[in-house]
Amino acid sequence: MAVPAHKDDLRAAIERSFEALMSDLRAVPGSYVRRASLDGHAKGSLISTSDLVAYLIGWNTLVLKWLDYSEAGRAIEFPETGYKWNQLGQLAQKFYADYADLDYPSLLSALDAAKIRIVDQVNIRSNAQLYGQLWYGKHTMGRMIQLNTAAPYKNATARLRRSRKTQAC
């Protein structure tokens, strides 16, 4: 699939990749959701399905923070305050810890709620706001949203499917 370059394509990419992801997440047996069986976000590590969902919630929450800061005219520290792009493994660990106390249904609900808020934010912005100017480095706002929503949803779906084949669950 082509990289979205229009608001409608962005919204469709988010929705399509999210629905595929949620279908796979709902199919994970309860006895597997806390089992570290997926390739982790740091080389050589393993994470659980719950950690994967926490990671996605963390990134979705960051996207919402970026959009809120942008709307308010505040400076955005990408990717997150206190983290650089070369510290994404550490940021992933933070996300796992941030949501470790939530049960699996609550994690899925939190991810769904964050995705809905992101789509709402896409909906209220014009195509020009999303794709008419660079927002971070060489990326438009729409591209940064896609890179941190639809793309990770697709990656997470692939991780789940690979794990399902090897774990027989």
N, C-alpha and C. Protein backbone atom coordinates (compact mmCIF):
# COMPACT_ATOMS: atom_id res chain seq x y z
N MET A 1 0.83 -1.18 0.00
CA MET A 1 0.00 0.00 0.00
C MET A 1 0.88 1.24 0.00
N ALA A 2 0.45 2.24 -0.75
CA ALA A 2 1.18 3.49 -0.85
C ALA A 2 1.09 4.27 0.46
N VAL A 3 2.10 5.08 0.70
CA VAL A 3 2.11 5.95 1.88
C VAL A 3 1.03 7.01 1.69
N PRO A 4 0.16 7.19 2.67
CA PRO A 4 -0.90 8.19 2.53
C PRO A 4 -0.32 9.59 2.30
N ALA A 5 -0.96 10.32 1.39
CA ALA A 5 -0.56 11.69 1.11
C ALA A 5 -1.77 12.61 1.14
N HIS A 6 -2.87 12.11 1.66
CA HIS A 6 -4.11 12.87 1.75
C HIS A 6 -4.84 12.44 3.01
N LYS A 7 -5.57 13.35 3.57
CA LYS A 7 -6.32 13.13 4.81
C LYS A 7 -7.17 11.86 4.75
N ASP A 8 -7.92 11.69 3.67
CA ASP A 8 -8.80 10.51 3.55
C ASP A 8 -8.01 9.22 3.51
N ASP A 9 -6.86 9.25 2.83
CA ASP A 9 -6.01 8.06 2.76
C ASP A 9 -5.39 7.75 4.13
N LEU A 10 -5.03 8.79 4.86
CA LEU A 10 -4.48 8.61 6.20
C LEU A 10 -5.51 7.96 7.10
N ARG A 11 -6.69 8.51 7.11
CA ARG A 11 -7.77 7.97 7.95
C ARG A 11 -8.04 6.50 7.57
N ALA A 12 -8.10 6.20 6.29
CA ALA A 12 -8.35 4.83 5.83
C ALA A 12 -7.22 3.90 6.25
N ALA A 13 -5.97 4.35 6.15
CA ALA A 13 -4.83 3.52 6.53
C ALA A 13 -4.86 3.22 8.03
N ILE A 14 -5.18 4.22 8.83
CA ILE A 14 -5.27 4.01 10.28
C ILE A 14 -6.36 3.00 10.59
N GLU A 15 -7.53 3.22 10.04
CA GLU A 15 -8.67 2.35 10.33
C GLU A 15 -8.42 0.91 9.86
N ARG A 16 -7.91 0.76 8.66
CA ARG A 16 -7.68 -0.58 8.08
C ARG A 16 -6.63 -1.35 8.90
N SER A 17 -5.52 -0.72 9.20
CA SER A 17 -4.46 -1.41 9.94
C SER A 17 -4.90 -1.67 11.39
N PHE A 18 -5.68 -0.77 11.96
CA PHE A 18 -6.15 -0.95 13.33
C PHE A 18 -7.13 -2.11 13.42
N GLU A 19 -8.04 -2.21 12.48
CA GLU A 19 -9.02 -3.30 12.51
C GLU A 19 -8.33 -4.66 12.38
N ALA A 20 -7.34 -4.76 11.51
CA ALA A 20 -6.59 -6.02 11.38
C ALA A 20 -5.88 -6.35 12.68
N LEU A 21 -5.26 -5.34 13.27
CA LEU A 21 -4.56 -5.53 14.54
C LEU A 21 -5.51 -5.99 15.63
N MET A 22 -6.63 -5.29 15.80
CA MET A 22 -7.56 -5.63 16.87
C MET A 22 -8.14 -7.03 16.68
N SER A 23 -8.36 -7.42 15.46
CA SER A 23 -8.85 -8.78 15.21
C SER A 23 -7.85 -9.80 15.74
N ASP A 24 -6.58 -9.58 15.47
CA ASP A 24 -5.54 -10.50 15.95
C ASP A 24 -5.37 -10.41 17.46
N LEU A 25 -5.46 -9.20 18.02
CA LEU A 25 -5.31 -9.05 19.47
C LEU A 25 -6.45 -9.74 20.23
N ARG A 26 -7.65 -9.64 19.69
CA ARG A 26 -8.80 -10.29 20.33
C ARG A 26 -8.71 -11.81 20.27
N ALA A 27 -7.95 -12.32 19.31
CA ALA A 27 -7.83 -13.78 19.13
C ALA A 27 -6.77 -14.40 20.04
N VAL A 28 -5.98 -13.59 20.72
CA VAL A 28 -4.93 -14.12 21.59
C VAL A 28 -5.60 -14.72 22.84
N PRO A 29 -5.33 -16.00 23.11
CA PRO A 29 -5.92 -16.62 24.31
C PRO A 29 -5.44 -15.92 25.58
N GLY A 30 -6.32 -15.83 26.55
CA GLY A 30 -5.99 -15.18 27.81
C GLY A 30 -4.74 -15.71 28.47
N SER A 31 -4.47 -17.00 28.31
CA SER A 31 -3.28 -17.60 28.94
C SER A 31 -1.98 -17.16 28.27
N TYR A 32 -2.08 -16.49 27.11
CA TYR A 32 -0.89 -16.06 26.38
C TYR A 32 -0.59 -14.57 26.49
N VAL A 33 -1.54 -13.77 26.97
CA VAL A 33 -1.37 -12.32 26.88
C VAL A 33 -0.21 -11.77 27.70
N ARG A 34 0.21 -12.46 28.74
CA ARG A 34 1.34 -12.01 29.58
C ARG A 34 2.60 -12.83 29.34
N ARG A 35 2.55 -13.77 28.40
CA ARG A 35 3.70 -14.61 28.10
C ARG A 35 4.64 -13.87 27.14
N ALA A 36 5.90 -13.75 27.51
CA ALA A 36 6.90 -13.08 26.66
C ALA A 36 7.28 -14.00 25.51
N SER A 37 6.61 -13.82 24.38
CA SER A 37 6.83 -14.70 23.24
C SER A 37 6.97 -13.95 21.92
N LEU A 38 6.89 -12.63 21.96
CA LEU A 38 7.01 -11.81 20.76
C LEU A 38 8.39 -11.16 20.71
N ASP A 39 8.91 -10.95 19.51
CA ASP A 39 10.15 -10.19 19.38
C ASP A 39 9.94 -8.82 20.00
N GLY A 40 10.87 -8.43 20.86
CA GLY A 40 10.75 -7.15 21.55
C GLY A 40 11.22 -5.98 20.73
N HIS A 41 11.11 -4.81 21.29
CA HIS A 41 11.51 -3.58 20.62
C HIS A 41 12.99 -3.27 20.81
N ALA A 42 13.65 -4.02 21.68
CA ALA A 42 15.10 -3.93 21.84
C ALA A 42 15.67 -5.24 21.32
N LYS A 43 16.76 -5.14 20.61
CA LYS A 43 17.36 -6.32 19.98
C LYS A 43 17.56 -7.46 20.99
N GLY A 44 17.11 -8.65 20.59
CA GLY A 44 17.30 -9.83 21.40
C GLY A 44 16.34 -9.98 22.56
N SER A 45 15.35 -9.10 22.66
CA SER A 45 14.41 -9.17 23.77
C SER A 45 13.09 -9.80 23.34
N LEU A 46 12.36 -10.28 24.32
CA LEU A 46 11.02 -10.81 24.09
C LEU A 46 10.04 -10.01 24.93
N ILE A 47 8.85 -9.82 24.38
CA ILE A 47 7.79 -9.11 25.10
C ILE A 47 6.51 -9.92 25.01
N SER A 48 5.57 -9.55 25.86
CA SER A 48 4.25 -10.19 25.84
C SER A 48 3.32 -9.40 24.91
N THR A 49 2.20 -9.99 24.62
CA THR A 49 1.17 -9.28 23.85
C THR A 49 0.71 -8.05 24.62
N SER A 50 0.59 -8.16 25.93
CA SER A 50 0.21 -7.00 26.75
C SER A 50 1.24 -5.88 26.61
N ASP A 51 2.53 -6.24 26.59
CA ASP A 51 3.58 -5.23 26.40
C ASP A 51 3.44 -4.57 25.03
N LEU A 52 3.13 -5.37 24.02
CA LEU A 52 2.96 -4.84 22.67
C LEU A 52 1.83 -3.82 22.64
N VAL A 53 0.73 -4.13 23.29
CA VAL A 53 -0.40 -3.20 23.34
C VAL A 53 0.01 -1.95 24.12
N ALA A 54 0.72 -2.10 25.22
CA ALA A 54 1.19 -0.95 26.00
C ALA A 54 2.08 -0.04 25.15
N TYR A 55 2.94 -0.65 24.36
CA TYR A 55 3.82 0.09 23.46
C TYR A 55 2.99 0.94 22.48
N LEU A 56 1.97 0.33 21.91
CA LEU A 56 1.12 1.04 20.95
C LEU A 56 0.34 2.17 21.63
N ILE A 57 -0.15 1.91 22.83
CA ILE A 57 -0.84 2.97 23.58
C ILE A 57 0.13 4.12 23.84
N GLY A 58 1.35 3.78 24.23
CA GLY A 58 2.36 4.81 24.49
C GLY A 58 2.61 5.69 23.29
N TRP A 59 2.78 5.09 22.13
CA TRP A 59 3.01 5.88 20.92
C TRP A 59 1.79 6.68 20.53
N ASN A 60 0.60 6.08 20.64
CA ASN A 60 -0.62 6.83 20.32
C ASN A 60 -0.76 8.03 21.24
N THR A 61 -0.44 7.85 22.50
CA THR A 61 -0.51 8.93 23.47
C THR A 61 0.49 10.03 23.12
N LEU A 62 1.67 9.63 22.65
CA LEU A 62 2.65 10.64 22.21
C LEU A 62 2.14 11.42 21.01
N VAL A 63 1.55 10.73 20.04
CA VAL A 63 0.99 11.42 18.87
C VAL A 63 -0.03 12.46 19.33
N LEU A 64 -0.90 12.08 20.25
CA LEU A 64 -1.90 13.02 20.77
C LEU A 64 -1.24 14.20 21.48
N LYS A 65 -0.19 13.92 22.23
CA LYS A 65 0.56 15.00 22.90
C LYS A 65 1.16 15.95 21.87
N TRP A 66 1.78 15.38 20.83
CA TRP A 66 2.37 16.22 19.79
C TRP A 66 1.31 17.12 19.16
N LEU A 67 0.16 16.54 18.86
CA LEU A 67 -0.91 17.32 18.22
C LEU A 67 -1.44 18.39 19.16
N ASP A 68 -1.60 18.06 20.43
CA ASP A 68 -2.04 19.06 21.42
C ASP A 68 -1.03 20.19 21.53
N TYR A 69 0.25 19.84 21.63
CA TYR A 69 1.29 20.86 21.74
C TYR A 69 1.32 21.74 20.48
N SER A 70 1.20 21.12 19.33
CA SER A 70 1.21 21.86 18.08
C SER A 70 0.05 22.85 18.03
N GLU A 71 -1.12 22.37 18.41
CA GLU A 71 -2.32 23.22 18.42
C GLU A 71 -2.15 24.40 19.36
N ALA A 72 -1.48 24.17 20.49
CA ALA A 72 -1.27 25.22 21.49
C ALA A 72 -0.06 26.10 21.17
N GLY A 73 0.67 25.78 20.11
CA GLY A 73 1.85 26.56 19.76
C GLY A 73 3.04 26.29 20.66
N ARG A 74 3.00 25.17 21.36
CA ARG A 74 4.10 24.80 22.26
C ARG A 74 5.16 24.02 21.51
N ALA A 75 6.40 24.13 21.96
CA ALA A 75 7.49 23.37 21.37
C ALA A 75 7.31 21.88 21.68
N ILE A 76 7.57 21.04 20.71
CA ILE A 76 7.45 19.59 20.86
C ILE A 76 8.84 19.00 20.94
N GLU A 77 9.09 18.19 21.95
CA GLU A 77 10.36 17.47 22.06
C GLU A 77 10.13 16.07 21.50
N PHE A 78 10.56 15.87 20.27
CA PHE A 78 10.41 14.57 19.63
C PHE A 78 11.55 13.65 20.04
N PRO A 79 11.35 12.38 20.29
CA PRO A 79 10.05 11.73 20.30
C PRO A 79 9.28 12.00 21.59
N GLU A 80 10.00 12.19 22.70
CA GLU A 80 9.36 12.44 24.00
C GLU A 80 10.35 13.19 24.87
N THR A 81 9.85 13.97 25.77
CA THR A 81 10.70 14.70 26.70
C THR A 81 11.60 13.71 27.44
N GLY A 82 12.90 13.96 27.38
CA GLY A 82 13.88 13.11 28.06
C GLY A 82 14.39 11.95 27.23
N TYR A 83 13.89 11.81 26.00
CA TYR A 83 14.31 10.70 25.12
C TYR A 83 14.71 11.25 23.76
N LYS A 84 15.72 10.62 23.20
CA LYS A 84 16.16 10.93 21.85
C LYS A 84 15.75 9.77 20.95
N TRP A 85 15.83 9.98 19.64
CA TRP A 85 15.43 8.94 18.69
C TRP A 85 16.29 7.68 18.84
N ASN A 86 17.51 7.82 19.33
CA ASN A 86 18.37 6.63 19.50
C ASN A 86 18.12 5.93 20.85
N GLN A 87 17.08 6.35 21.56
CA GLN A 87 16.73 5.75 22.85
C GLN A 87 15.33 5.13 22.82
N LEU A 88 14.92 4.67 21.66
CA LEU A 88 13.57 4.14 21.53
C LEU A 88 13.36 2.84 22.31
N GLY A 89 14.41 2.06 22.49
CA GLY A 89 14.30 0.86 23.33
C GLY A 89 13.97 1.23 24.76
N GLN A 90 14.60 2.28 25.27
CA GLN A 90 14.31 2.76 26.64
C GLN A 90 12.90 3.33 26.73
N LEU A 91 12.49 4.01 25.68
CA LEU A 91 11.13 4.56 25.66
C LEU A 91 10.11 3.41 25.64
N ALA A 92 10.40 2.36 24.90
CA ALA A 92 9.51 1.19 24.89
C ALA A 92 9.39 0.61 26.29
N GLN A 93 10.50 0.50 27.00
CA GLN A 93 10.47 -0.01 28.37
C GLN A 93 9.58 0.86 29.27
N LYS A 94 9.65 2.17 29.06
CA LYS A 94 8.80 3.09 29.82
C LYS A 94 7.33 2.79 29.53
N PHE A 95 6.99 2.60 28.26
CA PHE A 95 5.60 2.31 27.90
C PHE A 95 5.12 1.01 28.54
N TYR A 96 5.96 -0.03 28.51
CA TYR A 96 5.57 -1.30 29.14
C TYR A 96 5.25 -1.06 30.61
N ALA A 97 6.11 -0.31 31.29
CA ALA A 97 5.92 -0.05 32.72
C ALA A 97 4.69 0.83 32.98
N ASP A 98 4.47 1.82 32.11
CA ASP A 98 3.35 2.74 32.30
C ASP A 98 2.00 2.02 32.35
N TYR A 99 1.89 0.93 31.61
CA TYR A 99 0.60 0.25 31.48
C TYR A 99 0.61 -1.17 32.05
N ALA A 100 1.64 -1.50 32.80
CA ALA A 100 1.79 -2.87 33.33
C ALA A 100 0.67 -3.28 34.27
N ASP A 101 0.04 -2.33 34.92
CA ASP A 101 -1.00 -2.67 35.89
C ASP A 101 -2.39 -2.86 35.26
N LEU A 102 -2.53 -2.55 33.98
CA LEU A 102 -3.82 -2.72 33.33
C LEU A 102 -4.01 -4.16 32.89
N ASP A 103 -5.22 -4.69 33.08
CA ASP A 103 -5.51 -6.03 32.56
C ASP A 103 -5.69 -5.94 31.04
N TYR A 104 -5.69 -7.08 30.40
CA TYR A 104 -5.70 -7.11 28.94
C TYR A 104 -6.93 -6.41 28.34
N PRO A 105 -8.14 -6.68 28.82
CA PRO A 105 -9.28 -5.95 28.26
C PRO A 105 -9.15 -4.43 28.41
N SER A 106 -8.61 -3.98 29.52
CA SER A 106 -8.41 -2.54 29.72
C SER A 106 -7.36 -1.99 28.76
N LEU A 107 -6.32 -2.76 28.49
CA LEU A 107 -5.31 -2.34 27.51
C LEU A 107 -5.96 -2.16 26.14
N LEU A 108 -6.76 -3.15 25.74
CA LEU A 108 -7.41 -3.06 24.42
C LEU A 108 -8.34 -1.86 24.37
N SER A 109 -9.06 -1.60 25.44
CA SER A 109 -9.95 -0.43 25.49
C SER A 109 -9.17 0.87 25.40
N ALA A 110 -8.05 0.94 26.11
CA ALA A 110 -7.22 2.15 26.08
C ALA A 110 -6.64 2.38 24.69
N LEU A 111 -6.22 1.31 24.02
CA LEU A 111 -5.70 1.46 22.66
C LEU A 111 -6.79 1.93 21.72
N ASP A 112 -7.97 1.35 21.84
CA ASP A 112 -9.09 1.76 21.00
C ASP A 112 -9.44 3.23 21.23
N ALA A 113 -9.48 3.64 22.48
CA ALA A 113 -9.80 5.04 22.80
C ALA A 113 -8.76 6.00 22.24
N ALA A 114 -7.49 5.63 22.33
CA ALA A 114 -6.42 6.49 21.79
C ALA A 114 -6.53 6.60 20.27
N LYS A 115 -6.80 5.48 19.62
CA LYS A 115 -6.95 5.50 18.16
C LYS A 115 -8.13 6.37 17.75
N ILE A 116 -9.24 6.26 18.46
CA ILE A 116 -10.42 7.08 18.16
C ILE A 116 -10.07 8.57 18.29
N ARG A 117 -9.35 8.92 19.33
CA ARG A 117 -8.95 10.33 19.53
C ARG A 117 -8.04 10.81 18.40
N ILE A 118 -7.14 9.93 17.93
CA ILE A 118 -6.26 10.31 16.83
C ILE A 118 -7.07 10.54 15.55
N VAL A 119 -7.98 9.64 15.25
CA VAL A 119 -8.82 9.82 14.07
C VAL A 119 -9.64 11.10 14.19
N ASP A 120 -10.14 11.39 15.38
CA ASP A 120 -10.86 12.65 15.59
C ASP A 120 -9.95 13.84 15.29
N GLN A 121 -8.69 13.77 15.70
CA GLN A 121 -7.75 14.85 15.44
C GLN A 121 -7.44 14.98 13.94
N VAL A 122 -7.36 13.86 13.26
CA VAL A 122 -7.18 13.91 11.80
C VAL A 122 -8.40 14.56 11.16
N ASN A 123 -9.58 14.18 11.62
CA ASN A 123 -10.83 14.70 11.04
C ASN A 123 -10.96 16.21 11.17
N ILE A 124 -10.48 16.79 12.27
CA ILE A 124 -10.66 18.24 12.46
C ILE A 124 -9.59 19.07 11.75
N ARG A 125 -8.59 18.41 11.21
CA ARG A 125 -7.54 19.14 10.49
C ARG A 125 -7.80 19.07 8.99
N SER A 126 -7.38 20.12 8.32
CA SER A 126 -7.52 20.15 6.86
C SER A 126 -6.40 19.34 6.22
N ASN A 127 -6.60 19.02 4.97
CA ASN A 127 -5.56 18.32 4.23
C ASN A 127 -4.30 19.19 4.17
N ALA A 128 -4.48 20.50 4.06
CA ALA A 128 -3.33 21.41 4.03
C ALA A 128 -2.56 21.37 5.35
N GLN A 129 -3.27 21.30 6.48
CA GLN A 129 -2.59 21.20 7.78
C GLN A 129 -1.82 19.89 7.89
N LEU A 130 -2.41 18.82 7.39
CA LEU A 130 -1.79 17.51 7.51
C LEU A 130 -0.65 17.28 6.51
N TYR A 131 -0.80 17.81 5.30
CA TYR A 131 0.16 17.49 4.24
C TYR A 131 0.73 18.70 3.49
N GLY A 132 0.32 19.89 3.86
CA GLY A 132 0.73 21.07 3.10
C GLY A 132 2.04 21.70 3.49
N GLN A 133 2.63 21.24 4.59
CA GLN A 133 3.90 21.82 5.03
C GLN A 133 4.66 20.81 5.87
N LEU A 134 5.96 21.01 5.96
CA LEU A 134 6.76 20.13 6.81
C LEU A 134 6.46 20.47 8.26
N TRP A 135 6.43 19.45 9.08
CA TRP A 135 6.07 19.63 10.49
C TRP A 135 7.22 19.23 11.40
N TYR A 136 7.88 18.14 11.06
CA TYR A 136 9.04 17.70 11.83
C TYR A 136 10.08 17.19 10.83
N GLY A 137 11.22 17.88 10.78
CA GLY A 137 12.26 17.49 9.83
C GLY A 137 11.71 17.50 8.41
N LYS A 138 11.82 16.36 7.74
CA LYS A 138 11.34 16.26 6.36
C LYS A 138 9.93 15.70 6.27
N HIS A 139 9.24 15.59 7.41
CA HIS A 139 7.93 14.95 7.45
C HIS A 139 6.80 15.95 7.72
N THR A 140 5.70 15.72 7.04
CA THR A 140 4.48 16.48 7.32
C THR A 140 3.82 15.91 8.57
N MET A 141 2.84 16.64 9.07
CA MET A 141 2.08 16.16 10.23
C MET A 141 1.39 14.83 9.89
N GLY A 142 0.81 14.75 8.71
CA GLY A 142 0.14 13.52 8.31
C GLY A 142 1.09 12.33 8.26
N ARG A 143 2.27 12.55 7.76
CA ARG A 143 3.26 11.47 7.69
C ARG A 143 3.70 11.04 9.09
N MET A 144 3.90 12.00 9.98
CA MET A 144 4.29 11.64 11.36
C MET A 144 3.17 10.87 12.06
N ILE A 145 1.93 11.25 11.80
CA ILE A 145 0.81 10.50 12.37
C ILE A 145 0.82 9.07 11.82
N GLN A 146 0.97 8.92 10.53
CA GLN A 146 0.98 7.59 9.90
C GLN A 146 2.14 6.75 10.41
N LEU A 147 3.32 7.35 10.53
CA LEU A 147 4.50 6.61 10.99
C LEU A 147 4.36 6.10 12.42
N ASN A 148 3.47 6.73 13.19
CA ASN A 148 3.33 6.38 14.59
C ASN A 148 1.96 5.80 14.96
N THR A 149 1.17 5.47 13.93
CA THR A 149 -0.12 4.80 14.15
C THR A 149 -0.26 3.63 13.19
N ALA A 150 -0.62 3.93 11.96
CA ALA A 150 -0.89 2.87 10.97
C ALA A 150 0.31 1.95 10.77
N ALA A 151 1.50 2.51 10.66
CA ALA A 151 2.70 1.68 10.44
C ALA A 151 2.97 0.76 11.63
N PRO A 152 2.97 1.26 12.87
CA PRO A 152 3.17 0.34 14.00
C PRO A 152 2.03 -0.67 14.17
N TYR A 153 0.81 -0.29 13.83
CA TYR A 153 -0.29 -1.27 13.90
C TYR A 153 0.01 -2.44 12.95
N LYS A 154 0.46 -2.10 11.76
CA LYS A 154 0.77 -3.13 10.77
C LYS A 154 1.93 -4.00 11.24
N ASN A 155 2.95 -3.37 11.80
CA ASN A 155 4.10 -4.10 12.32
C ASN A 155 3.68 -5.02 13.45
N ALA A 156 2.84 -4.54 14.35
CA ALA A 156 2.38 -5.34 15.48
C ALA A 156 1.56 -6.53 15.00
N THR A 157 0.75 -6.34 13.98
CA THR A 157 -0.03 -7.45 13.41
C THR A 157 0.91 -8.52 12.88
N ALA A 158 1.96 -8.11 12.18
CA ALA A 158 2.93 -9.07 11.66
C ALA A 158 3.64 -9.82 12.79
N ARG A 159 4.00 -9.12 13.87
CA ARG A 159 4.63 -9.78 15.03
C ARG A 159 3.69 -10.83 15.62
N LEU A 160 2.43 -10.46 15.78
CA LEU A 160 1.46 -11.39 16.35
C LEU A 160 1.29 -12.63 15.48
N ARG A 161 1.21 -12.42 14.19
CA ARG A 161 1.01 -13.55 13.27
C ARG A 161 2.23 -14.46 13.23
N ARG A 162 3.43 -13.87 13.26
CA ARG A 162 4.65 -14.69 13.31
C ARG A 162 4.67 -15.52 14.59
N SER A 163 4.32 -14.90 15.69
CA SER A 163 4.32 -15.59 16.97
C SER A 163 3.27 -16.69 17.00
N ARG A 164 2.11 -16.41 16.45
CA ARG A 164 1.04 -17.40 16.43
C ARG A 164 1.47 -18.66 15.67
N LYS A 165 2.21 -18.47 14.59
CA LYS A 165 2.69 -19.62 13.80
C LYS A 165 3.68 -20.46 14.60
N THR A 166 4.54 -19.80 15.37
CA THR A 166 5.58 -20.55 16.10
C THR A 166 5.11 -21.04 17.47
N GLN A 167 4.10 -20.38 18.04
CA GLN A 167 3.64 -20.74 19.37
C GLN A 167 2.42 -21.66 19.36
N ALA A 168 1.83 -21.85 18.20
CA ALA A 168 0.63 -22.68 18.06
C ALA A 168 -0.49 -22.23 18.98
N CYS A 169 -0.76 -20.93 18.98
CA CYS A 169 -1.89 -20.42 19.77
C CYS A 169 -2.90 -19.73 18.90
